[in-house]
Amino acid sequence: MFITESTKRNTVLSSFPDDLFAAIEDLKKELNAVILAHYYQEPDIQDIADYIGDSLGLSQQAAATDADVIVFAGVHFMAETAKILNPNKLVLLPDLDAGCSLADSCPPQEFAAFKAAHPNHLVVSYINCSAAIKAMSDIICTSSNSVKIVNQIPEDQGIIFAPDKNLGRYVSEQTGRDLVLWEGSCIVHETFSEKKIVQLKIEHPEAEIIAHPECEPQVLRHADYIGSTTALLKYCQQSQSEAFIVATEPGIIHQMEKNAPQKQFIPAPAMNNCACNECPHMRLNTLEKLYLAMKNRTPEITLSEEIRKAALKPIERMLQMS
C-alpha cells in the first residue's frame, strides 16, 4: 500500500487525545508541572498556561515556582533562563528550534571581543540573549525594567547595552545615558511599516498607537504610548480610548481582547503583505507539541554548570534591582 503524506499526517493526528486541554491538565498533575507562556504564543497555549507574562514576569515565576517540571511555552532563551534559575528541575521546551532572531544576532565569540574593546564598562544585557551572553554580563534587564536598572547605575560608570540596539537607544533617551550599543535587533519589531501605520491612523483617527520599545525610532515617534508587553496590556485596560493600533507581536492581542472585549485592537502592519509581524520562532510551539513534550519528558533544556552559574549572577542582580 502506498502511504501518502496526507495519510501520514492523519495517522499522526489520530495519535493525539480527543481533548488535548484535558490531557495536558492530567499530565500537569502527574508531573507536578507548571506551564509558563509568553504573550506571543498562540491563543490555545495562552489559555492552557498557568502563567502568562513578559520576560520579567516569566523570570520571576520561574524563580518562585515549586513545581518539579517547568514547561516553557516561549523561545529558547526563555527556557534557558528557567533552567538557570532551577538547575534541579526538568525544563521542557515544546520545540527546540524555537529560537530568537535577536539572541542570534549576538554571537558569544564576537560579543566577547566587543566587550574586550570597551574595558571598564558594565555590561547590561537584555534578557533576550543566550545563556552564554548572560554569562558575560553584569546585569540582565527586560523591556519592563531596563530604564529603572540603568538609572540605578552610577552616572560615571560606562555601560555596554546588548543585544538590542533599538531598546538600547530608547533606554539612552529615557535615562540621558551615553550607552555603547551592540547592533542587534528583532526581525519582528523591525518589520513594522511607518507608512502603513500612519495610513492606519488616518483610517482610525480615534485609535491610539501603542508600541514596544524594540521597534525602530521612526515607528516609536508616532506612538502615543511605549512600553513592554505587560505595560501595553495594562495601558489598554486603563486608557479611555476604545481603539488601539498595536505595534508589537500580535499574539498579545489575544490577552488584550480578553481583558477589554469592548475595545478594538488593530495589529500594526508589516512592510510587505505578509505575516512578518508574527514571530516565526514563537509560533513553532503548538498545543500538540506541548502535549508531546510533557508526555515524553523531552525536549529538555540543559546547560553546563559553568555557564549556568555565571549566567545566574546577573539574573539575580536584575531580580534584586527590580
C-alpha atoms as a PDB file:
ATOM      1  CA  MET A   1       0.000   0.000   0.000  1.00  0.00           C
ATOM      2  CA  PHE A   2       1.322   3.432  -0.964  1.00  0.00           C
ATOM      3  CA  ILE A   3       1.291   5.802   2.038  1.00  0.00           C
ATOM      4  CA  THR A   4       0.720   9.425   1.088  1.00  0.00           C
ATOM      5  CA  GLU A   5       1.836  12.450   3.090  1.00  0.00           C
ATOM      6  CA  SER A   6      -1.838  13.091   3.871  1.00  0.00           C
ATOM      7  CA  THR A   7      -2.161   9.572   5.322  1.00  0.00           C
ATOM      8  CA  LYS A   8       0.938  10.147   7.458  1.00  0.00           C
ATOM      9  CA  ARG A   9      -0.469  13.419   8.800  1.00  0.00           C
ATOM     10  CA  ASN A  10      -3.820  11.825   9.614  1.00  0.00           C
ATOM     11  CA  THR A  11      -2.075   8.935  11.391  1.00  0.00           C
ATOM     12  CA  VAL A  12      -0.067  11.374  13.492  1.00  0.00           C
ATOM     13  CA  LEU A  13      -3.143  13.453  14.330  1.00  0.00           C
ATOM     14  CA  SER A  14      -5.141  10.357  15.322  1.00  0.00           C
ATOM     15  CA  SER A  15      -2.488   9.553  17.949  1.00  0.00           C
ATOM     16  CA  PHE A  16      -3.459  12.620  19.977  1.00  0.00           C
ATOM     17  CA  PRO A  17      -6.230  12.576  22.601  1.00  0.00           C
ATOM     18  CA  ASP A  18      -9.581  13.985  21.525  1.00  0.00           C
ATOM     19  CA  ASP A  19      -9.356  16.618  24.253  1.00  0.00           C
ATOM     20  CA  LEU A  20      -5.812  17.980  24.370  1.00  0.00           C
ATOM     21  CA  PHE A  21      -6.688  20.517  27.059  1.00  0.00           C
ATOM     22  CA  ALA A  22      -7.886  17.774  29.432  1.00  0.00           C
ATOM     23  CA  ALA A  23      -4.908  15.537  28.593  1.00  0.00           C
ATOM     24  CA  ILE A  24      -2.469  18.354  29.338  1.00  0.00           C
ATOM     25  CA  GLU A  25      -4.212  19.086  32.633  1.00  0.00           C
ATOM     26  CA  ASP A  26      -3.840  15.406  33.576  1.00  0.00           C
ATOM     27  CA  LEU A  27      -0.134  15.468  32.715  1.00  0.00           C
ATOM     28  CA  LYS A  28       0.340  18.621  34.788  1.00  0.00           C
ATOM     29  CA  LYS A  29      -0.984  16.800  37.848  1.00  0.00           C
ATOM     30  CA  GLU A  30       1.020  13.669  37.106  1.00  0.00           C
ATOM     31  CA  LEU A  31       4.302  15.577  36.681  1.00  0.00           C
ATOM     32  CA  ASN A  32       3.647  18.362  39.201  1.00  0.00           C
ATOM     33  CA  ALA A  33       4.301  20.659  36.278  1.00  0.00           C
ATOM     34  CA  VAL A  34       3.727  24.340  35.646  1.00  0.00           C
ATOM     35  CA  ILE A  35       3.186  25.805  32.180  1.00  0.00           C
ATOM     36  CA  LEU A  36       4.697  29.251  31.628  1.00  0.00           C
ATOM     37  CA  ALA A  37       3.728  31.021  28.404  1.00  0.00           C
ATOM     38  CA  HIS A  38       4.768  34.252  26.771  1.00  0.00           C
ATOM     39  CA  TYR A  39       2.153  36.684  25.469  1.00  0.00           C
ATOM     40  CA  TYR A  40       3.316  35.965  21.920  1.00  0.00           C
ATOM     41  CA  GLN A  41       2.236  32.306  21.984  1.00  0.00           C
ATOM     42  CA  GLU A  42      -0.818  31.092  20.072  1.00  0.00           C
ATOM     43  CA  PRO A  43      -4.163  31.586  21.902  1.00  0.00           C
ATOM     44  CA  ASP A  44      -4.650  27.896  22.771  1.00  0.00           C
ATOM     45  CA  ILE A  45      -1.328  27.793  24.593  1.00  0.00           C
ATOM     46  CA  GLN A  46      -2.103  31.030  26.418  1.00  0.00           C
ATOM     47  CA  ASP A  47      -5.416  29.576  27.537  1.00  0.00           C
ATOM     48  CA  ILE A  48      -3.846  26.378  28.967  1.00  0.00           C
ATOM     49  CA  ALA A  49      -0.957  28.163  30.707  1.00  0.00           C
ATOM     50  CA  ASP A  50      -0.704  28.596  34.474  1.00  0.00           C
ATOM     51  CA  TYR A  51       1.015  31.917  34.000  1.00  0.00           C
ATOM     52  CA  ILE A  52       1.194  34.256  31.000  1.00  0.00           C
ATOM     53  CA  GLY A  53       3.623  37.133  31.004  1.00  0.00           C
ATOM     54  CA  ASP A  54       6.515  39.057  29.556  1.00  0.00           C
ATOM     55  CA  SER A  55      10.175  38.194  30.081  1.00  0.00           C
ATOM     56  CA  LEU A  56      10.392  39.797  33.534  1.00  0.00           C
ATOM     57  CA  GLY A  57       7.213  38.202  34.847  1.00  0.00           C
ATOM     58  CA  LEU A  58       8.175  34.815  33.451  1.00  0.00           C
ATOM     59  CA  SER A  59      11.618  35.048  35.084  1.00  0.00           C
ATOM     60  CA  GLN A  60      10.029  35.898  38.414  1.00  0.00           C
ATOM     61  CA  GLN A  61       7.595  32.996  38.114  1.00  0.00           C
ATOM     62  CA  ALA A  62      10.399  30.602  37.153  1.00  0.00           C
ATOM     63  CA  ALA A  63      12.385  31.718  40.197  1.00  0.00           C
ATOM     64  CA  ALA A  64       9.433  31.240  42.552  1.00  0.00           C
ATOM     65  CA  THR A  65       7.813  28.014  41.325  1.00  0.00           C
ATOM     66  CA  ASP A  66       7.732  24.889  43.477  1.00  0.00           C
ATOM     67  CA  ALA A  67       6.801  22.679  40.516  1.00  0.00           C
ATOM     68  CA  ASP A  68       9.040  19.729  39.624  1.00  0.00           C
ATOM     69  CA  VAL A  69       8.693  20.327  35.898  1.00  0.00           C
ATOM     70  CA  ILE A  70       8.637  23.657  34.051  1.00  0.00           C
ATOM     71  CA  VAL A  71       7.071  23.577  30.601  1.00  0.00           C
ATOM     72  CA  PHE A  72       8.150  26.771  28.894  1.00  0.00           C
ATOM     73  CA  ALA A  73       5.950  27.853  26.020  1.00  0.00           C
ATOM     74  CA  GLY A  74       8.200  30.517  24.613  1.00  0.00           C
ATOM     75  CA  VAL A  75      11.577  30.606  22.910  1.00  0.00           C
ATOM     76  CA  HIS A  76      14.924  29.027  23.724  1.00  0.00           C
ATOM     77  CA  PHE A  77      16.489  31.849  25.756  1.00  0.00           C
ATOM     78  CA  MET A  78      13.409  31.992  27.999  1.00  0.00           C
ATOM     79  CA  ALA A  79      13.582  28.270  28.754  1.00  0.00           C
ATOM     80  CA  GLU A  80      17.325  28.655  29.364  1.00  0.00           C
ATOM     81  CA  THR A  81      16.576  31.362  31.923  1.00  0.00           C
ATOM     82  CA  ALA A  82      14.196  28.992  33.723  1.00  0.00           C
ATOM     83  CA  LYS A  83      16.912  26.330  33.776  1.00  0.00           C
ATOM     84  CA  ILE A  84      19.499  28.807  35.063  1.00  0.00           C
ATOM     85  CA  LEU A  85      17.180  29.576  37.970  1.00  0.00           C
ATOM     86  CA  ASN A  86      16.133  25.938  38.510  1.00  0.00           C
ATOM     87  CA  PRO A  87      19.106  23.620  37.904  1.00  0.00           C
ATOM     88  CA  ASN A  88      17.449  20.637  39.588  1.00  0.00           C
ATOM     89  CA  LYS A  89      14.123  20.886  37.775  1.00  0.00           C
ATOM     90  CA  LEU A  90      13.179  19.407  34.424  1.00  0.00           C
ATOM     91  CA  VAL A  91      12.688  22.281  31.972  1.00  0.00           C
ATOM     92  CA  LEU A  92      10.895  21.419  28.729  1.00  0.00           C
ATOM     93  CA  LEU A  93      10.557  23.476  25.549  1.00  0.00           C
ATOM     94  CA  PRO A  94       7.908  22.174  23.112  1.00  0.00           C
ATOM     95  CA  ASP A  95      10.119  22.881  20.083  1.00  0.00           C
ATOM     96  CA  LEU A  96      13.906  23.241  20.436  1.00  0.00           C
ATOM     97  CA  ASP A  97      14.003  25.168  17.158  1.00  0.00           C
ATOM     98  CA  ALA A  98      12.005  27.987  18.774  1.00  0.00           C
ATOM     99  CA  GLY A  99      14.933  30.382  18.820  1.00  0.00           C
ATOM    100  CA  CYS A 100      15.140  34.170  18.678  1.00  0.00           C
ATOM    101  CA  SER A 101      16.476  36.398  15.911  1.00  0.00           C
ATOM    102  CA  LEU A 102      17.609  38.956  18.484  1.00  0.00           C
ATOM    103  CA  ALA A 103      19.526  36.400  20.543  1.00  0.00           C
ATOM    104  CA  ASP A 104      21.050  35.001  17.337  1.00  0.00           C
ATOM    105  CA  SER A 105      22.261  38.489  16.364  1.00  0.00           C
ATOM    106  CA  CYS A 106      24.747  38.423  19.251  1.00  0.00           C
ATOM    107  CA  PRO A 107      27.242  35.555  18.780  1.00  0.00           C
ATOM    108  CA  PRO A 108      29.215  34.913  22.017  1.00  0.00           C
ATOM    109  CA  GLN A 109      32.679  34.981  20.427  1.00  0.00           C
ATOM    110  CA  GLU A 110      32.034  38.299  18.671  1.00  0.00           C
ATOM    111  CA  PHE A 111      30.488  39.804  21.768  1.00  0.00           C
ATOM    112  CA  ALA A 112      33.496  38.761  23.874  1.00  0.00           C
ATOM    113  CA  ALA A 113      35.723  40.748  21.511  1.00  0.00           C
ATOM    114  CA  PHE A 114      33.320  43.710  21.627  1.00  0.00           C
ATOM    115  CA  LYS A 115      33.363  43.630  25.415  1.00  0.00           C
ATOM    116  CA  ALA A 116      37.164  43.474  25.483  1.00  0.00           C
ATOM    117  CA  ALA A 117      37.298  46.570  23.252  1.00  0.00           C
ATOM    118  CA  HIS A 118      35.402  48.540  25.932  1.00  0.00           C
ATOM    119  CA  PRO A 119      37.236  47.832  29.191  1.00  0.00           C
ATOM    120  CA  ASN A 120      35.863  49.160  32.484  1.00  0.00           C
ATOM    121  CA  HIS A 121      32.324  49.112  31.074  1.00  0.00           C
ATOM    122  CA  LEU A 122      29.473  47.411  32.880  1.00  0.00           C
ATOM    123  CA  VAL A 123      27.515  45.042  30.636  1.00  0.00           C
ATOM    124  CA  VAL A 124      23.732  45.361  30.833  1.00  0.00           C
ATOM    125  CA  SER A 125      22.139  42.728  28.618  1.00  0.00           C
ATOM    126  CA  TYR A 126      18.523  42.479  27.588  1.00  0.00           C
ATOM    127  CA  ILE A 127      17.139  39.124  28.692  1.00  0.00           C
ATOM    128  CA  ASN A 128      16.537  38.244  25.005  1.00  0.00           C
ATOM    129  CA  CYS A 129      20.016  36.749  24.709  1.00  0.00           C
ATOM    130  CA  SER A 130      21.652  33.349  25.045  1.00  0.00           C
ATOM    131  CA  ALA A 131      22.935  31.893  28.301  1.00  0.00           C
ATOM    132  CA  ALA A 132      26.477  32.447  27.009  1.00  0.00           C
ATOM    133  CA  ILE A 133      25.850  36.196  26.645  1.00  0.00           C
ATOM    134  CA  LYS A 134      24.201  36.334  30.066  1.00  0.00           C
ATOM    135  CA  ALA A 135      27.334  34.696  31.476  1.00  0.00           C
ATOM    136  CA  MET A 136      29.387  37.623  30.115  1.00  0.00           C
ATOM    137  CA  SER A 137      27.013  40.223  31.566  1.00  0.00           C
ATOM    138  CA  ASP A 138      26.935  42.138  34.838  1.00  0.00           C
ATOM    139  CA  ILE A 139      23.192  42.792  34.951  1.00  0.00           C
ATOM    140  CA  ILE A 140      20.283  41.423  32.944  1.00  0.00           C
ATOM    141  CA  CYS A 141      17.262  43.605  32.171  1.00  0.00           C
ATOM    142  CA  THR A 142      13.922  43.323  30.412  1.00  0.00           C
ATOM    143  CA  SER A 143      11.924  45.894  28.477  1.00  0.00           C
ATOM    144  CA  SER A 144       9.871  46.337  31.668  1.00  0.00           C
ATOM    145  CA  ASN A 145      12.773  47.304  33.928  1.00  0.00           C
ATOM    146  CA  SER A 146      15.603  48.429  31.611  1.00  0.00           C
ATOM    147  CA  VAL A 147      15.200  52.149  32.331  1.00  0.00           C
ATOM    148  CA  LYS A 148      14.864  51.529  36.070  1.00  0.00           C
ATOM    149  CA  ILE A 149      18.017  49.397  36.138  1.00  0.00           C
ATOM    150  CA  VAL A 150      20.176  51.805  34.125  1.00  0.00           C
ATOM    151  CA  ASN A 151      19.017  54.664  36.363  1.00  0.00           C
ATOM    152  CA  GLN A 152      20.432  52.784  39.370  1.00  0.00           C
ATOM    153  CA  ILE A 153      23.938  52.616  37.884  1.00  0.00           C
ATOM    154  CA  PRO A 154      26.322  55.469  38.830  1.00  0.00           C
ATOM    155  CA  GLU A 155      26.458  58.148  36.138  1.00  0.00           C
ATOM    156  CA  ASP A 156      30.230  57.940  35.776  1.00  0.00           C
ATOM    157  CA  GLN A 157      30.101  54.214  35.007  1.00  0.00           C
ATOM    158  CA  GLY A 158      30.390  53.292  31.327  1.00  0.00           C
ATOM    159  CA  ILE A 159      27.724  50.861  30.106  1.00  0.00           C
ATOM    160  CA  ILE A 160      27.577  48.406  27.229  1.00  0.00           C
ATOM    161  CA  PHE A 161      23.958  47.645  26.340  1.00  0.00           C
ATOM    162  CA  ALA A 162      23.281  44.451  24.408  1.00  0.00           C
ATOM    163  CA  PRO A 163      21.955  42.984  22.241  1.00  0.00           C
ATOM    164  CA  ASP A 164      19.020  45.151  21.070  1.00  0.00           C
ATOM    165  CA  LYS A 165      20.078  48.481  19.557  1.00  0.00           C
ATOM    166  CA  ASN A 166      16.501  49.808  19.433  1.00  0.00           C
ATOM    167  CA  LEU A 167      15.756  49.108  23.093  1.00  0.00           C
ATOM    168  CA  GLY A 168      19.221  50.450  23.959  1.00  0.00           C
ATOM    169  CA  ARG A 169      18.542  53.651  22.041  1.00  0.00           C
ATOM    170  CA  TYR A 170      15.205  54.049  23.819  1.00  0.00           C
ATOM    171  CA  VAL A 171      16.833  53.486  27.239  1.00  0.00           C
ATOM    172  CA  SER A 172      19.532  56.009  26.376  1.00  0.00           C
ATOM    173  CA  GLU A 173      16.889  58.626  25.526  1.00  0.00           C
ATOM    174  CA  GLN A 174      14.903  57.931  28.701  1.00  0.00           C
ATOM    175  CA  THR A 175      17.894  57.988  31.044  1.00  0.00           C
ATOM    176  CA  GLY A 176      20.135  60.542  29.349  1.00  0.00           C
ATOM    177  CA  ARG A 177      22.975  57.998  29.443  1.00  0.00           C
ATOM    178  CA  ASP A 178      25.505  57.520  26.655  1.00  0.00           C
ATOM    179  CA  LEU A 179      25.305  53.761  26.150  1.00  0.00           C
ATOM    180  CA  VAL A 180      27.638  51.702  23.988  1.00  0.00           C
ATOM    181  CA  LEU A 181      25.199  49.686  21.875  1.00  0.00           C
ATOM    182  CA  TRP A 182      25.613  46.260  20.338  1.00  0.00           C
ATOM    183  CA  GLU A 183      23.980  46.365  16.888  1.00  0.00           C
ATOM    184  CA  GLY A 184      21.405  43.594  17.331  1.00  0.00           C
ATOM    185  CA  SER A 185      17.701  43.654  16.550  1.00  0.00           C
ATOM    186  CA  CYS A 186      14.470  41.654  16.425  1.00  0.00           C
ATOM    187  CA  ILE A 187      13.167  40.754  12.964  1.00  0.00           C
ATOM    188  CA  VAL A 188       9.556  41.158  14.080  1.00  0.00           C
ATOM    189  CA  HIS A 189       9.898  44.635  15.547  1.00  0.00           C
ATOM    190  CA  GLU A 190      11.910  45.812  12.532  1.00  0.00           C
ATOM    191  CA  THR A 191       9.195  44.806  10.038  1.00  0.00           C
ATOM    192  CA  PHE A 192       6.583  47.392  11.021  1.00  0.00           C
ATOM    193  CA  SER A 193       5.972  49.907   8.266  1.00  0.00           C
ATOM    194  CA  GLU A 194       5.916  53.545   9.364  1.00  0.00           C
ATOM    195  CA  LYS A 195       3.989  54.482   6.223  1.00  0.00           C
ATOM    196  CA  LYS A 196       1.307  51.839   6.777  1.00  0.00           C
ATOM    197  CA  ILE A 197       0.960  52.730  10.464  1.00  0.00           C
ATOM    198  CA  VAL A 198       0.374  56.361   9.520  1.00  0.00           C
ATOM    199  CA  GLN A 199      -2.209  55.226   6.954  1.00  0.00           C
ATOM    200  CA  LEU A 200      -3.935  53.136   9.631  1.00  0.00           C
ATOM    201  CA  LYS A 201      -4.019  56.162  11.915  1.00  0.00           C
ATOM    202  CA  ILE A 202      -5.699  58.188   9.156  1.00  0.00           C
ATOM    203  CA  GLU A 203      -8.283  55.409   8.735  1.00  0.00           C
ATOM    204  CA  HIS A 204      -8.767  55.129  12.521  1.00  0.00           C
ATOM    205  CA  PRO A 205      -8.150  58.650  13.900  1.00  0.00           C
ATOM    206  CA  GLU A 206      -9.675  57.664  17.235  1.00  0.00           C
ATOM    207  CA  ALA A 207      -7.118  54.882  17.767  1.00  0.00           C
ATOM    208  CA  GLU A 208      -4.035  55.277  19.925  1.00  0.00           C
ATOM    209  CA  ILE A 209      -0.765  53.878  18.616  1.00  0.00           C
ATOM    210  CA  ILE A 210       0.988  51.756  21.229  1.00  0.00           C
ATOM    211  CA  ALA A 211       4.436  50.266  20.633  1.00  0.00           C
ATOM    212  CA  HIS A 212       7.110  48.074  22.158  1.00  0.00           C
ATOM    213  CA  PRO A 213      10.493  49.822  22.641  1.00  0.00           C
ATOM    214  CA  GLU A 214      12.159  47.195  20.411  1.00  0.00           C
ATOM    215  CA  CYS A 215      10.508  48.963  17.451  1.00  0.00           C
ATOM    216  CA  GLU A 216      12.619  51.265  15.324  1.00  0.00           C
ATOM    217  CA  PRO A 217      12.705  55.025  16.106  1.00  0.00           C
ATOM    218  CA  GLN A 218      10.595  56.004  13.078  1.00  0.00           C
ATOM    219  CA  VAL A 219       7.758  53.855  14.462  1.00  0.00           C
ATOM    220  CA  LEU A 220       8.196  54.920  18.098  1.00  0.00           C
ATOM    221  CA  ARG A 221       7.907  58.606  17.229  1.00  0.00           C
ATOM    222  CA  HIS A 222       4.277  58.047  16.214  1.00  0.00           C
ATOM    223  CA  ALA A 223       3.408  56.148  19.391  1.00  0.00           C
ATOM    224  CA  ASP A 224       1.022  57.563  21.980  1.00  0.00           C
ATOM    225  CA  TYR A 225       2.426  55.055  24.471  1.00  0.00           C
ATOM    226  CA  ILE A 226       5.622  52.960  24.555  1.00  0.00           C
ATOM    227  CA  GLY A 227       6.048  50.034  26.915  1.00  0.00           C
ATOM    228  CA  SER A 228       6.777  46.355  27.497  1.00  0.00           C
ATOM    229  CA  THR A 229       4.145  43.787  26.573  1.00  0.00           C
ATOM    230  CA  THR A 230       2.783  43.816  30.126  1.00  0.00           C
ATOM    231  CA  ALA A 231       2.782  47.616  30.190  1.00  0.00           C
ATOM    232  CA  LEU A 232       0.939  47.745  26.852  1.00  0.00           C
ATOM    233  CA  LEU A 233      -1.647  45.313  28.177  1.00  0.00           C
ATOM    234  CA  LYS A 234      -2.260  47.375  31.313  1.00  0.00           C
ATOM    235  CA  TYR A 235      -2.356  50.627  29.356  1.00  0.00           C
ATOM    236  CA  CYS A 236      -5.133  49.365  27.082  1.00  0.00           C
ATOM    237  CA  GLN A 237      -7.249  48.451  30.101  1.00  0.00           C
ATOM    238  CA  GLN A 238      -6.753  51.832  31.781  1.00  0.00           C
ATOM    239  CA  SER A 239      -6.925  54.116  28.737  1.00  0.00           C
ATOM    240  CA  GLN A 240     -10.172  55.858  27.861  1.00  0.00           C
ATOM    241  CA  SER A 241      -9.554  55.086  24.189  1.00  0.00           C
ATOM    242  CA  GLU A 242     -11.712  52.475  22.520  1.00  0.00           C
ATOM    243  CA  ALA A 243      -9.273  51.525  19.735  1.00  0.00           C
ATOM    244  CA  PHE A 244      -5.543  50.803  19.539  1.00  0.00           C
ATOM    245  CA  ILE A 245      -3.017  50.195  16.774  1.00  0.00           C
ATOM    246  CA  VAL A 246      -0.668  47.640  18.325  1.00  0.00           C
ATOM    247  CA  ALA A 247       2.989  47.736  17.207  1.00  0.00           C
ATOM    248  CA  THR A 248       4.342  44.536  18.690  1.00  0.00           C
ATOM    249  CA  GLU A 249       3.930  40.802  18.025  1.00  0.00           C
ATOM    250  CA  PRO A 250       0.161  40.313  17.591  1.00  0.00           C
ATOM    251  CA  GLY A 251      -0.021  37.363  19.988  1.00  0.00           C
ATOM    252  CA  ILE A 252      -0.547  39.921  22.765  1.00  0.00           C
ATOM    253  CA  ILE A 253      -3.877  40.921  21.192  1.00  0.00           C
ATOM    254  CA  HIS A 254      -5.499  37.707  22.490  1.00  0.00           C
ATOM    255  CA  GLN A 255      -4.999  38.893  26.070  1.00  0.00           C
ATOM    256  CA  MET A 256      -5.974  42.469  25.191  1.00  0.00           C
ATOM    257  CA  GLU A 257      -9.280  41.251  23.763  1.00  0.00           C
ATOM    258  CA  LYS A 258      -9.927  39.046  26.798  1.00  0.00           C
ATOM    259  CA  ASN A 259      -9.258  41.906  29.236  1.00  0.00           C
ATOM    260  CA  ALA A 260     -11.111  44.589  27.270  1.00  0.00           C
ATOM    261  CA  PRO A 261     -13.585  42.845  24.914  1.00  0.00           C
ATOM    262  CA  GLN A 262     -15.413  46.083  24.181  1.00  0.00           C
ATOM    263  CA  LYS A 263     -12.310  47.662  22.641  1.00  0.00           C
ATOM    264  CA  GLN A 264     -10.798  47.318  19.166  1.00  0.00           C
ATOM    265  CA  PHE A 265      -7.191  46.158  18.660  1.00  0.00           C
ATOM    266  CA  ILE A 266      -5.599  46.588  15.240  1.00  0.00           C
ATOM    267  CA  PRO A 267      -2.262  44.863  14.569  1.00  0.00           C
ATOM    268  CA  ALA A 268       0.346  47.181  13.090  1.00  0.00           C
ATOM    269  CA  PRO A 269       1.124  46.102   9.522  1.00  0.00           C
ATOM    270  CA  ALA A 270       4.467  44.869   8.258  1.00  0.00           C
ATOM    271  CA  MET A 271       6.291  46.434   5.312  1.00  0.00           C
ATOM    272  CA  ASN A 272       5.080  43.731   2.924  1.00  0.00           C
ATOM    273  CA  ASN A 273       1.765  41.933   2.652  1.00  0.00           C
ATOM    274  CA  CYS A 274       2.863  39.036   4.849  1.00  0.00           C
ATOM    275  CA  ALA A 275       2.591  37.690   8.372  1.00  0.00           C
ATOM    276  CA  CYS A 276       6.054  39.098   9.144  1.00  0.00           C
ATOM    277  CA  ASN A 277       4.717  40.806  12.270  1.00  0.00           C
ATOM    278  CA  GLU A 278       4.270  37.318  13.768  1.00  0.00           C
ATOM    279  CA  CYS A 279       7.364  35.819  15.374  1.00  0.00           C
ATOM    280  CA  PRO A 280       8.127  32.637  13.389  1.00  0.00           C
ATOM    281  CA  HIS A 281      10.039  31.198  16.358  1.00  0.00           C
ATOM    282  CA  MET A 282       7.262  31.741  18.898  1.00  0.00           C
ATOM    283  CA  ARG A 283       4.760  30.153  16.512  1.00  0.00           C
ATOM    284  CA  LEU A 284       6.773  26.920  16.290  1.00  0.00           C
ATOM    285  CA  ASN A 285       5.256  25.911  19.617  1.00  0.00           C
ATOM    286  CA  THR A 286       1.821  24.310  19.294  1.00  0.00           C
ATOM    287  CA  LEU A 287      -0.610  22.685  21.698  1.00  0.00           C
ATOM    288  CA  GLU A 288       0.228  19.294  20.157  1.00  0.00           C
ATOM    289  CA  LYS A 289       3.980  19.796  20.679  1.00  0.00           C
ATOM    290  CA  LEU A 290       3.369  20.955  24.238  1.00  0.00           C
ATOM    291  CA  TYR A 291       1.386  17.780  24.939  1.00  0.00           C
ATOM    292  CA  LEU A 292       4.102  15.564  23.445  1.00  0.00           C
ATOM    293  CA  ALA A 293       6.837  17.367  25.393  1.00  0.00           C
ATOM    294  CA  MET A 294       5.010  16.628  28.655  1.00  0.00           C
ATOM    295  CA  LYS A 295       4.140  13.062  27.672  1.00  0.00           C
ATOM    296  CA  ASN A 296       7.695  12.191  26.574  1.00  0.00           C
ATOM    297  CA  ARG A 297       9.577  14.474  29.031  1.00  0.00           C
ATOM    298  CA  THR A 298      11.533  15.920  26.110  1.00  0.00           C
ATOM    299  CA  PRO A 299      12.922  18.173  24.558  1.00  0.00           C
ATOM    300  CA  GLU A 300      14.789  19.105  27.724  1.00  0.00           C
ATOM    301  CA  ILE A 301      16.868  22.248  28.235  1.00  0.00           C
ATOM    302  CA  THR A 302      20.372  21.501  29.514  1.00  0.00           C
ATOM    303  CA  LEU A 303      23.283  23.825  30.343  1.00  0.00           C
ATOM    304  CA  SER A 304      26.828  23.354  31.547  1.00  0.00           C
ATOM    305  CA  GLU A 305      27.146  24.205  35.227  1.00  0.00           C
ATOM    306  CA  GLU A 306      29.907  26.714  34.452  1.00  0.00           C
ATOM    307  CA  ILE A 307      27.678  28.715  32.084  1.00  0.00           C
ATOM    308  CA  ARG A 308      24.661  28.341  34.353  1.00  0.00           C
ATOM    309  CA  LYS A 309      26.414  29.718  37.432  1.00  0.00           C
ATOM    310  CA  ALA A 310      27.952  32.618  35.523  1.00  0.00           C
ATOM    311  CA  ALA A 311      24.584  33.489  33.932  1.00  0.00           C
ATOM    312  CA  LEU A 312      22.769  33.223  37.265  1.00  0.00           C
ATOM    313  CA  LYS A 313      24.600  36.159  38.870  1.00  0.00           C
ATOM    314  CA  PRO A 314      23.367  38.919  36.508  1.00  0.00           C
ATOM    315  CA  ILE A 315      19.826  37.486  36.566  1.00  0.00           C
ATOM    316  CA  GLU A 316      19.786  37.523  40.368  1.00  0.00           C
ATOM    317  CA  ARG A 317      21.073  41.086  40.299  1.00  0.00           C
ATOM    318  CA  MET A 318      18.214  42.044  37.983  1.00  0.00           C
ATOM    319  CA  LEU A 319      15.647  40.441  40.267  1.00  0.00           C
ATOM    320  CA  GLN A 320      17.133  42.307  43.245  1.00  0.00           C
ATOM    321  CA  MET A 321      17.126  45.644  41.371  1.00  0.00           C
ATOM    322  CA  SER A 322      13.574  45.135  40.115  1.00  0.00           C
END
